PDB file of N, CA and C in Angstrom:
ATOM      1  N   MET A   1      92.649 -45.471 -24.931  1.00  0.00           N
ATOM      2  CA  MET A   1      92.660 -44.283 -25.761  1.00  0.00           C
ATOM      3  C   MET A   1      91.260 -44.067 -26.345  1.00  0.00           C
ATOM      4  N   ALA A   2      90.756 -42.858 -26.227  1.00  0.00           N
ATOM      5  CA  ALA A   2      89.416 -42.531 -26.733  1.00  0.00           C
ATOM      6  C   ALA A   2      89.448 -42.373 -28.246  1.00  0.00           C
ATOM      7  N   ALA A   3      88.344 -42.756 -28.893  1.00  0.00           N
ATOM      8  CA  ALA A   3      88.227 -42.597 -30.337  1.00  0.00           C
ATOM      9  C   ALA A   3      88.061 -41.119 -30.673  1.00  0.00           C
ATOM     10  N   ALA A   4      88.635 -40.726 -31.784  1.00  0.00           N
ATOM     11  CA  ALA A   4      88.522 -39.330 -32.218  1.00  0.00           C
ATOM     12  C   ALA A   4      87.092 -39.049 -32.665  1.00  0.00           C
ATOM     13  N   MET A   5      86.604 -37.861 -32.332  1.00  0.00           N
ATOM     14  CA  MET A   5      85.276 -37.452 -32.772  1.00  0.00           C
ATOM     15  C   MET A   5      85.308 -37.229 -34.278  1.00  0.00           C
ATOM     16  N   PRO A   6      84.268 -37.686 -34.960  1.00  0.00           N
ATOM     17  CA  PRO A   6      84.244 -37.456 -36.402  1.00  0.00           C
ATOM     18  C   PRO A   6      84.120 -35.959 -36.711  1.00  0.00           C
ATOM     19  N   GLY A   7      84.707 -35.545 -37.798  1.00  0.00           N
ATOM     20  CA  GLY A   7      84.633 -34.147 -38.206  1.00  0.00           C
ATOM     21  C   GLY A   7      83.282 -33.834 -38.806  1.00  0.00           C
ATOM     22  N   PRO A   8      83.058 -32.575 -39.113  1.00  0.00           N
ATOM     23  CA  PRO A   8      81.767 -32.198 -39.703  1.00  0.00           C
ATOM     24  C   PRO A   8      81.590 -32.813 -41.090  1.00  0.00           C
ATOM     25  N   LYS A   9      80.333 -33.079 -41.399  1.00  0.00           N
ATOM     26  CA  LYS A   9      79.956 -33.595 -42.706  1.00  0.00           C
ATOM     27  C   LYS A   9      79.175 -32.512 -43.439  1.00  0.00           C
ATOM     28  N   LYS A  10      79.151 -32.593 -44.727  1.00  0.00           N
ATOM     29  CA  LYS A  10      78.372 -31.646 -45.532  1.00  0.00           C
ATOM     30  C   LYS A  10      76.885 -31.984 -45.399  1.00  0.00           C
ATOM     31  N   VAL A  11      76.046 -30.953 -45.406  1.00  0.00           N
ATOM     32  CA  VAL A  11      74.592 -31.126 -45.308  1.00  0.00           C
ATOM     33  C   VAL A  11      73.986 -30.711 -46.647  1.00  0.00           C
ATOM     34  N   TYR A  12      73.231 -31.630 -47.240  1.00  0.00           N
ATOM     35  CA  TYR A  12      72.601 -31.376 -48.534  1.00  0.00           C
ATOM     36  C   TYR A  12      71.085 -31.398 -48.399  1.00  0.00           C
ATOM     37  N   VAL A  13      70.428 -30.415 -48.990  1.00  0.00           N
ATOM     38  CA  VAL A  13      68.975 -30.389 -49.099  1.00  0.00           C
ATOM     39  C   VAL A  13      68.661 -30.424 -50.585  1.00  0.00           C
ATOM     40  N   ASN A  14      68.012 -31.482 -51.013  1.00  0.00           N
ATOM     41  CA  ASN A  14      67.680 -31.670 -52.434  1.00  0.00           C
ATOM     42  C   ASN A  14      68.916 -31.481 -53.311  1.00  0.00           C
ATOM     43  N   ASP A  15      70.017 -32.106 -52.913  1.00  0.00           N
ATOM     44  CA  ASP A  15      71.288 -32.119 -53.647  1.00  0.00           C
ATOM     45  C   ASP A  15      72.016 -30.782 -53.678  1.00  0.00           C
ATOM     46  N   VAL A  16      71.622 -29.830 -52.838  1.00  0.00           N
ATOM     47  CA  VAL A  16      72.303 -28.538 -52.737  1.00  0.00           C
ATOM     48  C   VAL A  16      72.929 -28.444 -51.344  1.00  0.00           C
ATOM     49  N   MET A  17      74.239 -28.241 -51.286  1.00  0.00           N
ATOM     50  CA  MET A  17      74.897 -28.148 -49.997  1.00  0.00           C
ATOM     51  C   MET A  17      74.531 -26.832 -49.317  1.00  0.00           C
ATOM     52  N   ILE A  18      74.092 -26.933 -48.043  1.00  0.00           N
ATOM     53  CA  ILE A  18      73.696 -25.721 -47.311  1.00  0.00           C
ATOM     54  C   ILE A  18      74.604 -25.433 -46.124  1.00  0.00           C
ATOM     55  N   GLY A  19      75.529 -26.340 -45.823  1.00  0.00           N
ATOM     56  CA  GLY A  19      76.425 -26.123 -44.694  1.00  0.00           C
ATOM     57  C   GLY A  19      77.049 -27.419 -44.226  1.00  0.00           C
ATOM     58  N   GLU A  20      77.547 -27.407 -42.988  1.00  0.00           N
ATOM     59  CA  GLU A  20      78.178 -28.582 -42.405  1.00  0.00           C
ATOM     60  C   GLU A  20      77.642 -28.820 -41.000  1.00  0.00           C
ATOM     61  N   ALA A  21      77.645 -30.088 -40.588  1.00  0.00           N
ATOM     62  CA  ALA A  21      77.197 -30.467 -39.246  1.00  0.00           C
ATOM     63  C   ALA A  21      77.863 -31.781 -38.870  1.00  0.00           C
ATOM     64  N   SER A  22      77.952 -32.022 -37.559  1.00  0.00           N
ATOM     65  CA  SER A  22      78.553 -33.263 -37.064  1.00  0.00           C
ATOM     66  C   SER A  22      77.524 -34.264 -36.565  1.00  0.00           C
ATOM     67  N   SER A  23      76.252 -33.830 -36.424  1.00  0.00           N
ATOM     68  CA  SER A  23      75.200 -34.708 -35.919  1.00  0.00           C
ATOM     69  C   SER A  23      73.856 -34.251 -36.473  1.00  0.00           C
ATOM     70  N   TRP A  24      72.841 -35.119 -36.312  1.00  0.00           N
ATOM     71  CA  TRP A  24      71.503 -34.735 -36.757  1.00  0.00           C
ATOM     72  C   TRP A  24      70.973 -33.558 -35.954  1.00  0.00           C
ATOM     73  N   THR A  25      71.393 -33.451 -34.697  1.00  0.00           N
ATOM     74  CA  THR A  25      70.996 -32.297 -33.881  1.00  0.00           C
ATOM     75  C   THR A  25      71.538 -31.011 -34.490  1.00  0.00           C
ATOM     76  N   GLU A  26      72.783 -31.050 -34.938  1.00  0.00           N
ATOM     77  CA  GLU A  26      73.371 -29.875 -35.588  1.00  0.00           C
ATOM     78  C   GLU A  26      72.715 -29.605 -36.935  1.00  0.00           C
ATOM     79  N   VAL A  27      72.300 -30.661 -37.632  1.00  0.00           N
ATOM     80  CA  VAL A  27      71.582 -30.481 -38.900  1.00  0.00           C
ATOM     81  C   VAL A  27      70.287 -29.717 -38.640  1.00  0.00           C
ATOM     82  N   GLN A  28      69.549 -30.115 -37.590  1.00  0.00           N
ATOM     83  CA  GLN A  28      68.295 -29.425 -37.250  1.00  0.00           C
ATOM     84  C   GLN A  28      68.550 -27.953 -36.931  1.00  0.00           C
ATOM     85  N   LYS A  29      69.620 -27.670 -36.205  1.00  0.00           N
ATOM     86  CA  LYS A  29      69.973 -26.283 -35.881  1.00  0.00           C
ATOM     87  C   LYS A  29      70.314 -25.508 -37.145  1.00  0.00           C
ATOM     88  N   LEU A  30      71.028 -26.142 -38.074  1.00  0.00           N
ATOM     89  CA  LEU A  30      71.384 -25.492 -39.340  1.00  0.00           C
ATOM     90  C   LEU A  30      70.127 -25.171 -40.150  1.00  0.00           C
ATOM     91  N   LEU A  31      69.206 -26.132 -40.233  1.00  0.00           N
ATOM     92  CA  LEU A  31      67.955 -25.900 -40.959  1.00  0.00           C
ATOM     93  C   LEU A  31      67.183 -24.741 -40.347  1.00  0.00           C
ATOM     94  N   LYS A  32      67.157 -24.689 -39.016  1.00  0.00           N
ATOM     95  CA  LYS A  32      66.463 -23.594 -38.340  1.00  0.00           C
ATOM     96  C   LYS A  32      67.152 -22.263 -38.622  1.00  0.00           C
ATOM     97  N   ALA A  33      68.488 -22.243 -38.580  1.00  0.00           N
ATOM     98  CA  ALA A  33      69.238 -21.016 -38.856  1.00  0.00           C
ATOM     99  C   ALA A  33      69.020 -20.540 -40.290  1.00  0.00           C
ATOM    100  N   LYS A  34      68.894 -21.489 -41.217  1.00  0.00           N
ATOM    101  CA  LYS A  34      68.657 -21.148 -42.627  1.00  0.00           C
ATOM    102  C   LYS A  34      67.178 -20.912 -42.910  1.00  0.00           C
ATOM    103  N   ARG A  35      66.333 -21.109 -41.870  1.00  0.00           N
ATOM    104  CA  ARG A  35      64.884 -20.927 -41.977  1.00  0.00           C
ATOM    105  C   ARG A  35      64.253 -21.829 -43.036  1.00  0.00           C
ATOM    106  N   VAL A  36      64.722 -23.076 -43.054  1.00  0.00           N
ATOM    107  CA  VAL A  36      64.170 -24.068 -43.971  1.00  0.00           C
ATOM    108  C   VAL A  36      63.124 -24.878 -43.223  1.00  0.00           C
ATOM    109  N   VAL A  37      61.907 -24.907 -43.778  1.00  0.00           N
ATOM    110  CA  VAL A  37      60.808 -25.670 -43.196  1.00  0.00           C
ATOM    111  C   VAL A  37      60.279 -26.596 -44.281  1.00  0.00           C
ATOM    112  N   PHE A  38      60.132 -27.881 -43.928  1.00  0.00           N
ATOM    113  CA  PHE A  38      59.653 -28.845 -44.910  1.00  0.00           C
ATOM    114  C   PHE A  38      58.143 -28.957 -44.867  1.00  0.00           C
ATOM    115  N   ALA A  39      57.557 -29.132 -46.042  1.00  0.00           N
ATOM    116  CA  ALA A  39      56.126 -29.383 -46.172  1.00  0.00           C
ATOM    117  C   ALA A  39      55.955 -30.902 -46.138  1.00  0.00           C
ATOM    118  N   GLY A  40      55.626 -31.434 -44.999  1.00  0.00           N
ATOM    119  CA  GLY A  40      55.561 -32.881 -44.836  1.00  0.00           C
ATOM    120  C   GLY A  40      56.882 -33.402 -44.295  1.00  0.00           C
ATOM    121  N   LYS A  41      56.997 -34.715 -44.229  1.00  0.00           N
ATOM    122  CA  LYS A  41      58.198 -35.334 -43.675  1.00  0.00           C
ATOM    123  C   LYS A  41      59.199 -35.606 -44.794  1.00  0.00           C
ATOM    124  N   PRO A  42      60.417 -35.047 -44.684  1.00  0.00           N
ATOM    125  CA  PRO A  42      61.417 -35.270 -45.735  1.00  0.00           C
ATOM    126  C   PRO A  42      62.096 -36.624 -45.575  1.00  0.00           C
ATOM    127  N   GLY A  43      62.663 -37.113 -46.668  1.00  0.00           N
ATOM    128  CA  GLY A  43      63.504 -38.302 -46.599  1.00  0.00           C
ATOM    129  C   GLY A  43      64.872 -37.884 -46.073  1.00  0.00           C
ATOM    130  N   MET A  44      65.434 -38.663 -45.159  1.00  0.00           N
ATOM    131  CA  MET A  44      66.708 -38.297 -44.554  1.00  0.00           C
ATOM    132  C   MET A  44      67.633 -39.509 -44.545  1.00  0.00           C
ATOM    133  N   ALA A  45      68.910 -39.279 -44.864  1.00  0.00           N
ATOM    134  CA  ALA A  45      69.904 -40.343 -44.835  1.00  0.00           C
ATOM    135  C   ALA A  45      71.242 -39.751 -44.447  1.00  0.00           C
ATOM    136  N   GLU A  46      72.070 -40.591 -43.837  1.00  0.00           N
ATOM    137  CA  GLU A  46      73.422 -40.164 -43.466  1.00  0.00           C
ATOM    138  C   GLU A  46      74.409 -41.088 -44.142  1.00  0.00           C
ATOM    139  N   GLY A  47      75.397 -40.482 -44.799  1.00  0.00           N
ATOM    140  CA  GLY A  47      76.457 -41.245 -45.425  1.00  0.00           C
ATOM    141  C   GLY A  47      77.779 -40.938 -44.749  1.00  0.00           C
ATOM    142  N   PRO A  48      78.859 -41.530 -45.224  1.00  0.00           N
ATOM    143  CA  PRO A  48      80.156 -41.321 -44.583  1.00  0.00           C
ATOM    144  C   PRO A  48      80.662 -39.881 -44.669  1.00  0.00           C
ATOM    145  N   THR A  49      80.195 -39.130 -45.650  1.00  0.00           N
ATOM    146  CA  THR A  49      80.688 -37.753 -45.807  1.00  0.00           C
ATOM    147  C   THR A  49      79.598 -36.692 -45.754  1.00  0.00           C
ATOM    148  N   GLY A  50      78.342 -37.097 -45.548  1.00  0.00           N
ATOM    149  CA  GLY A  50      77.298 -36.074 -45.548  1.00  0.00           C
ATOM    150  C   GLY A  50      75.968 -36.535 -44.996  1.00  0.00           C
ATOM    151  N   PHE A  51      75.128 -35.529 -44.730  1.00  0.00           N
ATOM    152  CA  PHE A  51      73.730 -35.721 -44.361  1.00  0.00           C
ATOM    153  C   PHE A  51      72.907 -35.317 -45.577  1.00  0.00           C
ATOM    154  N   TYR A  52      71.932 -36.142 -45.946  1.00  0.00           N
ATOM    155  CA  TYR A  52      71.148 -35.907 -47.157  1.00  0.00           C
ATOM    156  C   TYR A  52      69.676 -35.828 -46.799  1.00  0.00           C
ATOM    157  N   ILE A  53      69.036 -34.721 -47.204  1.00  0.00           N
ATOM    158  CA  ILE A  53      67.627 -34.495 -46.910  1.00  0.00           C
ATOM    159  C   ILE A  53      66.940 -34.156 -48.225  1.00  0.00           C
ATOM    160  N   ASN A  54      65.864 -34.869 -48.519  1.00  0.00           N
ATOM    161  CA  ASN A  54      65.107 -34.622 -49.745  1.00  0.00           C
ATOM    162  C   ASN A  54      63.636 -34.465 -49.417  1.00  0.00           C
ATOM    163  N   GLY A  55      63.042 -33.398 -49.948  1.00  0.00           N
ATOM    164  CA  GLY A  55      61.621 -33.183 -49.740  1.00  0.00           C
ATOM    165  C   GLY A  55      61.213 -31.797 -50.187  1.00  0.00           C
ATOM    166  N   ALA A  56      59.908 -31.602 -50.239  1.00  0.00           N
ATOM    167  CA  ALA A  56      59.361 -30.286 -50.588  1.00  0.00           C
ATOM    168  C   ALA A  56      59.542 -29.374 -49.385  1.00  0.00           C
ATOM    169  N   PHE A  57      60.034 -28.184 -49.617  1.00  0.00           N
ATOM    170  CA  PHE A  57      60.247 -27.254 -48.515  1.00  0.00           C
ATOM    171  C   PHE A  57      59.882 -25.847 -48.915  1.00  0.00           C
ATOM    172  N   VAL A  58      59.714 -25.007 -47.899  1.00  0.00           N
ATOM    173  CA  VAL A  58      59.449 -23.587 -48.105  1.00  0.00           C
ATOM    174  C   VAL A  58      60.462 -22.816 -47.276  1.00  0.00           C
ATOM    175  N   LEU A  59      60.834 -21.652 -47.729  1.00  0.00           N
ATOM    176  CA  LEU A  59      61.691 -20.771 -46.940  1.00  0.00           C
ATOM    177  C   LEU A  59      60.773 -19.838 -46.183  1.00  0.00           C
ATOM    178  N   THR A  60      60.979 -19.729 -44.881  1.00  0.00           N
ATOM    179  CA  THR A  60      60.149 -18.832 -44.083  1.00  0.00           C
ATOM    180  C   THR A  60      60.547 -17.395 -44.371  1.00  0.00           C
ATOM    181  N   ASN A  61      59.727 -16.456 -43.932  1.00  0.00           N
ATOM    182  CA  ASN A  61      60.022 -15.038 -44.150  1.00  0.00           C
ATOM    183  C   ASN A  61      61.387 -14.690 -43.575  1.00  0.00           C
ATOM    184  N   LEU A  62      62.143 -13.909 -44.300  1.00  0.00           N
ATOM    185  CA  LEU A  62      63.473 -13.521 -43.860  1.00  0.00           C
ATOM    186  C   LEU A  62      63.432 -12.364 -42.877  1.00  0.00           C
ATOM    187  N   THR A  63      62.295 -11.687 -42.812  1.00  0.00           N
ATOM    188  CA  THR A  63      62.147 -10.597 -41.851  1.00  0.00           C
ATOM    189  C   THR A  63      60.993 -10.936 -40.928  1.00  0.00           C
ATOM    190  N   SER A  64      61.074 -10.482 -39.704  1.00  0.00           N
ATOM    191  CA  SER A  64      60.034 -10.820 -38.742  1.00  0.00           C
ATOM    192  C   SER A  64      58.787  -9.964 -38.915  1.00  0.00           C
ATOM    193  N   SER A  65      58.930  -8.821 -39.567  1.00  0.00           N
ATOM    194  CA  SER A  65      57.749  -7.993 -39.781  1.00  0.00           C
ATOM    195  C   SER A  65      57.758  -7.445 -41.203  1.00  0.00           C
ATOM    196  N   ARG A  66      56.600  -7.350 -41.769  1.00  0.00           N
ATOM    197  CA  ARG A  66      56.447  -6.826 -43.124  1.00  0.00           C
ATOM    198  C   ARG A  66      55.464  -5.672 -43.063  1.00  0.00           C
ATOM    199  N   LYS A  67      55.725  -4.645 -43.866  1.00  0.00           N
ATOM    200  CA  LYS A  67      54.780  -3.545 -43.971  1.00  0.00           C
ATOM    201  C   LYS A  67      53.726  -3.897 -45.005  1.00  0.00           C
ATOM    202  N   ALA A  68      52.566  -3.350 -44.866  1.00  0.00           N
ATOM    203  CA  ALA A  68      51.459  -3.655 -45.769  1.00  0.00           C
ATOM    204  C   ALA A  68      51.813  -3.356 -47.208  1.00  0.00           C
ATOM    205  N   GLY A  69      52.654  -2.378 -47.466  1.00  0.00           N
ATOM    206  CA  GLY A  69      53.003  -1.993 -48.819  1.00  0.00           C
ATOM    207  C   GLY A  69      54.130  -2.805 -49.426  1.00  0.00           C
ATOM    208  N   ASP A  70      54.787  -3.660 -48.639  1.00  0.00           N
ATOM    209  CA  ASP A  70      55.900  -4.459 -49.164  1.00  0.00           C
ATOM    210  C   ASP A  70      55.388  -5.501 -50.135  1.00  0.00           C
ATOM    211  N   VAL A  71      56.109  -5.656 -51.230  1.00  0.00           N
ATOM    212  CA  VAL A  71      55.778  -6.651 -52.224  1.00  0.00           C
ATOM    213  C   VAL A  71      56.977  -7.568 -52.377  1.00  0.00           C
ATOM    214  N   ALA A  72      56.757  -8.867 -52.287  1.00  0.00           N
ATOM    215  CA  ALA A  72      57.863  -9.814 -52.406  1.00  0.00           C
ATOM    216  C   ALA A  72      58.180 -10.081 -53.848  1.00  0.00           C
TER     217      ALA A  72
END
């Protein structure tokens, strides 16, 4: 009998839950989808119920193009 695949775990960035994933590969996809980019290498750990990532990060632009007159 095959072992059951583990269910998704919660993904936390600096103690804030941003979604769920079942593997580090899915965590990377989630970070990319949320447009989270870390400044330097973040600390990463996996526990029984979640993936934990801590580090300085920046959010990339939410739009692919900006007009010269746009002010953030």
